[in-house]
Amino acid sequence: MKSFLSLCALLLLLMIIQGNVYAHPGRTDSSGGHTCRTNCSQWGLEDGEYHYHDGSGSNESDSSDSTSSDESTSSESSNDALDKDCSDFSSYDEVVEYWNSKGYSKTYDPERLDGWGNKVDDGIPCEAPSDYDTTRINNSPAQLAEKEAEKDLDSGEEVGYKTGLSDGQKGLSSNSFSKGSDSYQEGYEKGYEVGYKEGTTQFETLKKNAFKSGYALGEKQDKLKVPQKYGTIKALTSSYEEGFNKAIKEKDEKKKEEYLASGIKDGKADVLNEPEKAKDIFLDAYQKGYKIGQEELKETYVKQGYAAAFTILNYEEPDFEEEKYKDWYKEGFKSNVKIKDIVNVAYQAGLDGKSSSVPEKYQHAKTIYQYNFDKGTKDRKKNNQAVGSVFGLGMIGWLGRRFYVARKMLK
């Protein structure tokens, strides 16, 4: 019983060892074996040792004749020409170049380079160095992810551009927010900015055109009517109305000037003729002008009264039809304060006995000057007579006193 158990254990051990020896990667030739070229000791083999994966032929190889050896060598050479192991390449770049040239992928790898040394097929041939850029490997996960990211980037940029262009053309606020992968959002934001800038430029042109159209309408008529193509977007409607209102304002300002001039003319002629059915701003302009004209008319009568004060000694009411003309005339007459200076100068000249010639500066008030000069002269003569009388009376008194004293002495 013990011998039987020992024999079973020995057979099981031999099966495990044999499985480990032959269960390494690499395709087999038509004979079911191939030559080990790398990490052979790991599999219990010698470097360059030819072996079978199914376990057959290993013990028989020692007793095979030269013909069998030649066939194996020939079969090995044929297999090497058709199949490659990772150990057949001098560098990993060479592995990648071969993999790419064959068009291999995770799902198409007839030489089993993907599974060599890997637990699972991952689309990466052999063992890639840790710092190797696997995007260079055709159909690798990194390359596929990179292509997908590029696709998302392009898609996001295209959609973002269209959306940005539309928002810009409508005068909307910039909003480059989007959902999706990071690459998609990156492309969307980039495309949106470009589109929004172009759309905004186009929108500014539309706004200018809307303003010009509104201005042209305002020049023709006073009633606003926004066309449909400018009425659907608020900003364009505002530009159209702005242009219209500007034209109306300029037109109104021109009319206001006309009504102002008309009012001034009527005011100077003292004929009130207010416009009927006119805008309040035009009526106000006319009334303002009329008031200005009345002020100018008044000034003419005030000046007449002022000038008359230089020529007449006392105020004389003029023969005007309108009472307000007489009032304005009298106001000007009384406002002439220079007459007082002339009166004083002329009177003093006469009082001082100066020449009776009217100075050049007072020629415009010759009558006033002459009258007051003569008045001064008369007062001067009166003063002289008064002084003479006083002196004569004094002399008489003195002589009388002397006569009285002399008479007393003679007695």
Protein backbone atom coordinates (compact mmCIF):
# COMPACT_ATOMS: atom_id res chain seq x y z
CA MET A 1 0.00 0.00 0.00
CA LYS A 2 2.78 2.39 0.94
CA SER A 3 4.67 1.50 -2.23
CA PHE A 4 1.59 2.25 -4.31
CA LEU A 5 1.11 5.66 -2.72
CA SER A 6 4.78 6.50 -3.19
CA LEU A 7 4.56 5.54 -6.87
CA CYS A 8 1.48 7.76 -7.36
CA ALA A 9 3.20 10.71 -5.69
CA LEU A 10 6.27 10.25 -7.89
CA LEU A 11 4.16 10.17 -11.05
CA LEU A 12 2.28 13.32 -10.00
CA LEU A 13 5.56 15.13 -9.32
CA LEU A 14 6.91 14.16 -12.71
CA MET A 15 3.73 15.44 -14.39
CA ILE A 16 4.01 18.83 -12.61
CA ILE A 17 7.67 19.19 -13.50
CA GLN A 18 7.01 18.25 -17.11
CA GLY A 19 4.10 20.79 -17.30
CA ASN A 20 6.29 23.58 -15.98
CA VAL A 21 9.03 22.80 -18.42
CA TYR A 22 6.78 22.96 -21.48
CA ALA A 23 4.22 25.60 -20.53
CA HIS A 24 6.15 28.63 -21.66
CA PRO A 25 5.14 31.01 -24.48
CA GLY A 26 6.00 30.63 -28.15
CA ARG A 27 4.44 28.95 -31.13
CA THR A 28 5.41 25.38 -32.03
CA ASP A 29 6.49 24.04 -35.37
CA SER A 30 4.85 21.24 -37.34
CA SER A 31 6.53 18.70 -35.06
CA GLY A 32 4.94 20.23 -31.97
CA GLY A 33 8.13 21.83 -30.56
CA HIS A 34 10.46 24.81 -30.88
CA THR A 35 13.79 26.17 -29.68
CA CYS A 36 14.04 28.07 -26.36
CA ARG A 37 15.88 31.35 -26.79
CA THR A 38 15.29 33.43 -23.64
CA ASN A 39 14.78 32.82 -19.91
CA CYS A 40 15.30 29.11 -20.66
CA SER A 41 16.50 28.27 -17.17
CA GLN A 42 13.19 29.56 -15.81
CA TRP A 43 11.46 26.78 -17.70
CA GLY A 44 14.02 24.11 -16.83
CA LEU A 45 15.68 24.21 -20.28
CA GLU A 46 19.08 24.98 -21.72
CA ASP A 47 19.59 28.02 -23.94
CA GLY A 48 19.00 26.90 -27.53
CA GLU A 49 17.43 23.60 -26.44
CA TYR A 50 14.78 22.23 -28.76
CA HIS A 51 11.79 20.81 -26.97
CA TYR A 52 8.13 19.76 -27.31
CA HIS A 53 5.22 21.41 -25.52
CA ASP A 54 3.14 18.24 -25.44
CA GLY A 55 5.89 16.30 -23.64
CA SER A 56 6.46 13.86 -26.51
CA GLY A 57 9.79 13.30 -28.13
CA SER A 58 11.83 14.58 -25.21
CA ASN A 59 13.17 11.21 -24.14
CA GLU A 60 13.28 9.93 -27.66
CA SER A 61 15.57 12.71 -28.89
CA ASP A 62 18.64 11.05 -27.37
CA SER A 63 18.07 7.91 -29.39
CA SER A 64 17.01 9.53 -32.63
CA ASP A 65 19.22 9.14 -35.64
CA SER A 66 20.89 11.90 -37.67
CA THR A 67 17.94 12.00 -40.02
CA SER A 68 15.57 12.93 -37.17
CA SER A 69 18.03 15.62 -36.03
CA ASP A 70 18.25 17.06 -39.54
CA GLU A 71 14.46 17.12 -39.80
CA SER A 72 14.21 18.96 -36.49
CA THR A 73 16.80 21.49 -37.56
CA SER A 74 15.02 22.01 -40.86
CA SER A 75 11.66 22.32 -39.11
CA GLU A 76 13.12 24.85 -36.64
CA SER A 77 14.52 26.99 -39.44
CA SER A 78 11.19 26.92 -41.23
CA ASN A 79 9.35 27.94 -38.03
CA ASP A 80 11.77 30.80 -37.31
CA ALA A 81 10.99 32.21 -40.70
CA LEU A 82 7.25 32.18 -40.01
CA ASP A 83 7.04 32.83 -36.26
CA LYS A 84 8.79 35.24 -33.86
CA ASP A 85 9.25 35.34 -30.12
CA CYS A 86 9.92 38.48 -28.12
CA SER A 87 13.45 37.21 -27.66
CA ASP A 88 14.02 37.55 -31.41
CA PHE A 89 14.13 41.37 -31.22
CA SER A 90 17.13 43.47 -30.22
CA SER A 91 15.06 46.37 -28.82
CA TYR A 92 11.50 47.19 -27.92
CA ASP A 93 11.29 49.75 -30.72
CA GLU A 94 12.00 46.84 -33.07
CA VAL A 95 9.12 44.91 -31.45
CA VAL A 96 6.77 47.83 -32.02
CA GLU A 97 7.92 48.32 -35.59
CA TYR A 98 7.27 44.63 -36.34
CA TRP A 99 3.90 44.65 -34.55
CA ASN A 100 2.75 47.74 -36.41
CA SER A 101 3.96 46.47 -39.79
CA LYS A 102 1.90 43.31 -39.32
CA GLY A 103 -1.18 45.22 -38.32
CA TYR A 104 -1.47 43.19 -35.11
CA SER A 105 -3.86 44.06 -32.31
CA LYS A 106 -5.30 42.64 -29.11
CA THR A 107 -7.82 40.63 -31.14
CA TYR A 108 -5.46 39.76 -33.99
CA ASP A 109 -2.14 38.37 -32.78
CA PRO A 110 -1.36 35.07 -34.62
CA GLU A 111 2.22 35.02 -33.26
CA ARG A 112 1.00 35.45 -29.68
CA LEU A 113 3.41 38.35 -29.03
CA ASP A 114 0.77 40.07 -26.92
CA GLY A 115 0.47 37.16 -24.49
CA TRP A 116 4.21 36.61 -24.19
CA GLY A 117 5.15 37.22 -20.54
CA ASN A 118 1.70 38.71 -19.79
CA LYS A 119 -1.06 37.16 -17.77
CA VAL A 120 -3.74 38.58 -20.09
CA ASP A 121 -3.82 39.95 -23.60
CA ASP A 122 -3.79 43.78 -23.32
CA GLY A 123 -2.86 44.86 -26.82
CA ILE A 124 0.78 45.46 -25.81
CA PRO A 125 3.31 43.07 -27.44
CA CYS A 126 5.97 41.49 -25.24
CA GLU A 127 6.93 43.38 -22.11
CA ALA A 128 6.99 47.17 -22.70
CA PRO A 129 9.44 49.21 -20.59
CA SER A 130 7.65 51.09 -17.83
CA ASP A 131 8.42 54.50 -19.34
CA TYR A 132 7.62 53.56 -22.93
CA ASP A 133 5.07 55.65 -24.84
CA THR A 134 2.57 52.96 -25.71
CA THR A 135 0.57 55.32 -27.91
CA ARG A 136 3.13 54.43 -30.59
CA ILE A 137 1.82 50.87 -30.59
CA ASN A 138 -0.95 50.24 -33.11
CA ASN A 139 -4.31 49.57 -31.49
CA SER A 140 -2.87 49.74 -27.97
CA PRO A 141 -5.25 50.94 -25.25
CA ALA A 142 -3.26 54.18 -24.95
CA GLN A 143 -3.32 54.76 -28.71
CA LEU A 144 -7.02 53.98 -28.90
CA ALA A 145 -7.66 56.32 -25.97
CA GLU A 146 -5.58 59.00 -27.66
CA LYS A 147 -7.53 58.60 -30.91
CA GLU A 148 -10.79 58.74 -28.98
CA ALA A 149 -9.61 61.89 -27.20
CA GLU A 150 -8.66 63.46 -30.53
CA LYS A 151 -12.05 62.51 -31.90
CA ASP A 152 -13.77 64.05 -28.88
CA LEU A 153 -11.59 67.15 -29.20
CA ASP A 154 -12.51 67.61 -32.86
CA SER A 155 -16.17 66.91 -32.19
CA GLY A 156 -16.28 69.34 -29.26
CA GLU A 157 -14.51 72.04 -31.26
CA GLU A 158 -16.96 71.65 -34.15
CA VAL A 159 -20.04 71.80 -31.91
CA GLY A 160 -18.55 74.60 -29.80
CA TYR A 161 -17.81 76.70 -32.88
CA LYS A 162 -21.37 76.37 -34.19
CA THR A 163 -22.85 77.18 -30.79
CA GLY A 164 -20.51 80.14 -30.20
CA LEU A 165 -21.20 81.50 -33.67
CA SER A 166 -24.95 81.28 -33.06
CA ASP A 167 -24.72 82.93 -29.63
CA GLY A 168 -22.52 85.72 -31.00
CA GLN A 169 -24.84 86.36 -33.94
CA LYS A 170 -27.77 86.70 -31.54
CA GLY A 171 -25.94 89.05 -29.16
CA LEU A 172 -26.16 86.56 -26.28
CA SER A 173 -23.71 86.47 -23.37
CA SER A 174 -20.73 84.15 -23.78
CA ASN A 175 -21.26 80.70 -22.24
CA SER A 176 -18.74 78.00 -23.19
CA PHE A 177 -19.92 75.43 -20.63
CA SER A 178 -20.39 71.89 -21.97
CA LYS A 179 -20.68 68.28 -20.84
CA GLY A 180 -18.65 65.29 -21.94
CA SER A 181 -15.07 64.07 -21.68
CA ASP A 182 -12.25 66.42 -20.79
CA SER A 183 -11.12 66.41 -24.41
CA TYR A 184 -14.60 67.19 -25.63
CA GLN A 185 -14.95 70.09 -23.19
CA GLU A 186 -11.50 71.39 -24.16
CA GLY A 187 -12.40 71.33 -27.86
CA TYR A 188 -15.83 72.80 -27.20
CA GLU A 189 -14.39 75.76 -25.29
CA LYS A 190 -11.78 76.43 -27.97
CA GLY A 191 -14.32 76.22 -30.81
CA TYR A 192 -16.86 78.28 -28.90
CA GLU A 193 -14.43 81.16 -28.37
CA VAL A 194 -13.55 81.27 -32.08
CA GLY A 195 -17.20 81.03 -33.15
CA TYR A 196 -18.41 83.54 -30.60
CA LYS A 197 -15.81 86.07 -31.71
CA GLU A 198 -16.84 85.70 -35.35
CA GLY A 199 -20.51 85.79 -34.43
CA THR A 200 -20.04 88.92 -32.34
CA THR A 201 -18.27 90.64 -35.24
CA GLN A 202 -21.14 89.72 -37.55
CA PHE A 203 -23.63 90.87 -34.92
CA GLU A 204 -21.94 94.28 -34.62
CA THR A 205 -22.28 94.64 -38.39
CA LEU A 206 -25.97 93.76 -38.11
CA LYS A 207 -26.40 96.34 -35.36
CA LYS A 208 -24.82 99.03 -37.53
CA ASN A 209 -27.08 98.09 -40.42
CA ALA A 210 -30.12 98.18 -38.12
CA PHE A 211 -29.11 101.63 -36.89
CA LYS A 212 -28.71 102.95 -40.44
CA SER A 213 -32.07 101.51 -41.49
CA GLY A 214 -33.80 103.04 -38.47
CA TYR A 215 -32.16 106.39 -39.15
CA ALA A 216 -33.31 106.33 -42.77
CA LEU A 217 -36.89 105.65 -41.66
CA GLY A 218 -36.74 108.51 -39.15
CA GLU A 219 -35.73 110.90 -41.91
CA LYS A 220 -38.81 109.92 -43.92
CA GLN A 221 -41.51 109.66 -41.28
CA ASP A 222 -42.32 110.21 -37.62
CA LYS A 223 -43.97 106.84 -36.99
CA LEU A 224 -41.73 103.96 -35.91
CA LYS A 225 -42.19 100.55 -37.53
CA VAL A 226 -39.49 97.93 -36.91
CA PRO A 227 -38.97 95.41 -39.78
CA GLN A 228 -39.24 91.72 -38.93
CA LYS A 229 -35.57 91.00 -39.53
CA TYR A 230 -34.66 93.45 -36.77
CA GLY A 231 -37.61 92.72 -34.53
CA THR A 232 -36.74 89.17 -33.45
CA ILE A 233 -33.54 90.05 -31.57
CA LYS A 234 -33.81 92.63 -28.82
CA ALA A 235 -30.37 94.16 -29.38
CA LEU A 236 -31.06 94.67 -33.09
CA THR A 237 -34.46 96.19 -32.29
CA SER A 238 -32.77 98.61 -29.89
CA SER A 239 -30.21 99.62 -32.55
CA TYR A 240 -32.98 100.19 -35.09
CA GLU A 241 -34.95 102.34 -32.63
CA GLU A 242 -31.81 104.22 -31.67
CA GLY A 243 -31.15 105.16 -35.29
CA PHE A 244 -34.77 106.13 -35.80
CA ASN A 245 -34.84 108.32 -32.68
CA LYS A 246 -31.58 110.01 -33.66
CA ALA A 247 -33.00 110.99 -37.04
CA ILE A 248 -36.22 112.25 -35.41
CA LYS A 249 -34.24 114.27 -32.89
CA GLU A 250 -32.08 115.88 -35.56
CA LYS A 251 -35.13 116.61 -37.65
CA ASP A 252 -36.95 118.10 -34.65
CA GLU A 253 -33.95 120.22 -33.72
CA LYS A 254 -33.91 121.66 -37.21
CA LYS A 255 -37.63 122.44 -37.02
CA LYS A 256 -37.21 123.95 -33.58
CA GLU A 257 -34.67 126.37 -35.01
CA GLU A 258 -37.14 127.30 -37.71
CA TYR A 259 -39.94 127.91 -35.18
CA LEU A 260 -37.56 129.86 -32.97
CA ALA A 261 -36.61 132.16 -35.84
CA SER A 262 -40.27 132.60 -36.75
CA GLY A 263 -41.08 133.51 -33.16
CA ILE A 264 -38.30 136.10 -33.03
CA LYS A 265 -39.50 137.67 -36.25
CA ASP A 266 -43.11 137.88 -35.02
CA GLY A 267 -41.97 139.19 -31.65
CA LYS A 268 -40.04 142.06 -33.20
CA ALA A 269 -43.05 142.83 -35.40
CA ASP A 270 -45.27 142.58 -32.31
CA VAL A 271 -47.53 140.10 -34.12
CA LEU A 272 -48.29 136.89 -32.21
CA ASN A 273 -49.00 133.99 -34.57
CA GLU A 274 -48.58 130.73 -32.65
CA PRO A 275 -48.48 127.52 -34.77
CA GLU A 276 -51.50 125.24 -34.59
CA LYS A 277 -51.39 121.43 -34.30
CA ALA A 278 -47.67 121.51 -33.77
CA LYS A 279 -45.63 119.44 -31.31
CA ASP A 280 -45.21 120.99 -27.90
CA ILE A 281 -41.48 121.32 -28.52
CA PHE A 282 -42.19 123.42 -31.62
CA LEU A 283 -44.75 125.58 -29.80
CA ASP A 284 -42.25 126.12 -26.99
CA ALA A 285 -39.59 127.09 -29.51
CA TYR A 286 -41.91 129.62 -31.16
CA GLN A 287 -42.91 131.14 -27.81
CA LYS A 288 -39.30 131.38 -26.78
CA GLY A 289 -38.46 133.12 -30.04
CA TYR A 290 -41.44 135.47 -29.69
CA LYS A 291 -40.25 136.49 -26.23
CA ILE A 292 -36.79 137.19 -27.58
CA GLY A 293 -38.32 139.31 -30.36
CA GLN A 294 -40.37 141.28 -27.83
CA GLU A 295 -37.26 141.95 -25.77
CA GLU A 296 -35.48 143.24 -28.84
CA LEU A 297 -38.49 145.42 -29.71
CA LYS A 298 -38.57 146.82 -26.18
CA GLU A 299 -34.90 147.61 -26.38
CA THR A 300 -35.49 149.85 -29.37
CA TYR A 301 -38.03 151.98 -27.42
CA VAL A 302 -35.91 152.04 -24.29
CA LYS A 303 -32.99 153.34 -26.35
CA GLN A 304 -35.19 156.04 -27.85
CA GLY A 305 -36.22 157.23 -24.39
CA TYR A 306 -32.66 157.11 -23.17
CA ALA A 307 -31.46 159.21 -26.12
CA ALA A 308 -34.31 161.70 -25.65
CA ALA A 309 -33.06 162.47 -22.14
CA PHE A 310 -30.02 164.16 -23.72
CA THR A 311 -32.14 166.49 -25.83
CA ILE A 312 -35.11 167.61 -23.70
CA LEU A 313 -35.12 169.26 -20.29
CA ASN A 314 -38.30 167.62 -19.06
CA TYR A 315 -39.96 164.28 -19.97
CA GLU A 316 -42.49 164.55 -22.75
CA GLU A 317 -44.78 161.61 -23.46
CA PRO A 318 -44.23 160.31 -26.98
CA ASP A 319 -47.03 159.86 -29.48
CA PHE A 320 -47.09 156.03 -29.63
CA GLU A 321 -50.16 153.89 -30.28
CA GLU A 322 -49.33 151.17 -27.81
CA GLU A 323 -49.09 151.97 -24.13
CA LYS A 324 -46.32 149.45 -23.67
CA TYR A 325 -44.22 151.40 -26.17
CA LYS A 326 -44.72 154.55 -24.08
CA ASP A 327 -43.79 152.66 -20.94
CA TRP A 328 -40.64 151.31 -22.53
CA TYR A 329 -39.76 154.80 -23.78
CA LYS A 330 -40.26 156.34 -20.33
CA GLU A 331 -38.24 153.55 -18.75
CA GLY A 332 -35.32 154.40 -21.03
CA PHE A 333 -35.67 158.13 -20.35
CA LYS A 334 -35.48 157.65 -16.60
CA SER A 335 -32.65 155.17 -16.83
CA ASN A 336 -30.29 157.84 -18.21
CA VAL A 337 -28.19 158.62 -15.12
CA LYS A 338 -25.47 160.31 -17.16
CA ILE A 339 -27.69 163.39 -17.46
CA LYS A 340 -27.11 164.18 -13.79
CA ASP A 341 -23.36 164.31 -14.33
CA ILE A 342 -23.75 166.61 -17.32
CA VAL A 343 -26.12 168.90 -15.37
CA ASN A 344 -23.65 169.22 -12.50
CA VAL A 345 -20.65 169.83 -14.76
CA ALA A 346 -22.45 172.49 -16.82
CA TYR A 347 -23.88 174.30 -13.78
CA GLN A 348 -20.48 174.39 -12.07
CA ALA A 349 -18.84 175.74 -15.22
CA GLY A 350 -21.35 178.58 -15.31
CA LEU A 351 -20.97 179.20 -11.60
CA ASP A 352 -17.20 179.38 -12.00
CA GLY A 353 -17.47 181.78 -14.90
CA LYS A 354 -15.87 179.47 -17.41
CA SER A 355 -16.31 179.61 -21.17
CA SER A 356 -19.81 179.10 -22.42
CA SER A 357 -18.64 176.86 -25.27
CA VAL A 358 -20.05 173.32 -24.99
CA PRO A 359 -17.21 170.78 -24.75
CA GLU A 360 -17.00 168.19 -27.52
CA LYS A 361 -17.84 165.33 -25.16
CA TYR A 362 -21.18 166.93 -24.32
CA GLN A 363 -22.25 167.91 -27.83
CA HIS A 364 -24.87 165.11 -27.84
CA ALA A 365 -26.45 166.83 -24.81
CA LYS A 366 -25.87 170.40 -25.93
CA THR A 367 -29.28 171.63 -24.85
CA ILE A 368 -28.95 170.22 -21.36
CA TYR A 369 -25.41 171.53 -20.97
CA GLN A 370 -26.24 175.05 -22.18
CA TYR A 371 -29.31 175.31 -19.99
CA ASN A 372 -27.48 174.34 -16.82
CA PHE A 373 -24.43 176.43 -17.71
CA ASP A 374 -26.64 179.50 -17.98
CA LYS A 375 -28.27 178.63 -14.71
CA GLY A 376 -24.86 178.50 -13.06
CA THR A 377 -23.91 181.80 -14.60
CA LYS A 378 -27.05 183.50 -13.23
CA ASP A 379 -26.39 182.15 -9.77
CA ARG A 380 -22.84 183.40 -9.95
CA LYS A 381 -24.06 186.93 -10.80
CA LYS A 382 -26.58 186.83 -7.99
CA ASN A 383 -23.87 185.83 -5.59
CA ASN A 384 -21.66 188.68 -6.73
CA GLN A 385 -24.46 191.19 -6.26
CA ALA A 386 -25.17 189.90 -2.80
CA VAL A 387 -21.54 190.28 -1.84
CA GLY A 388 -21.47 193.88 -3.17
CA SER A 389 -24.54 194.84 -1.20
CA VAL A 390 -23.09 193.47 1.99
CA PHE A 391 -19.84 195.34 1.39
CA GLY A 392 -21.70 198.64 0.69
CA LEU A 393 -23.75 198.34 3.81
CA GLY A 394 -20.63 197.69 5.79
CA MET A 395 -18.96 200.80 4.45
CA ILE A 396 -21.98 202.94 5.21
CA GLY A 397 -22.08 201.63 8.74
CA TRP A 398 -18.40 202.30 9.22
CA LEU A 399 -18.64 205.82 7.86
CA GLY A 400 -21.66 206.53 10.06
CA ARG A 401 -19.79 205.35 13.09
CA ARG A 402 -16.85 207.59 12.26
CA PHE A 403 -19.05 210.60 11.75
CA TYR A 404 -20.69 210.04 15.12
CA VAL A 405 -17.38 209.85 16.93
CA ALA A 406 -16.07 212.99 15.25
CA ARG A 407 -19.18 214.83 16.16
CA LYS A 408 -18.81 213.91 19.82
CA MET A 409 -15.28 215.18 19.85
CA LEU A 410 -16.22 218.57 18.43
CA LYS A 411 -18.70 219.16 21.16
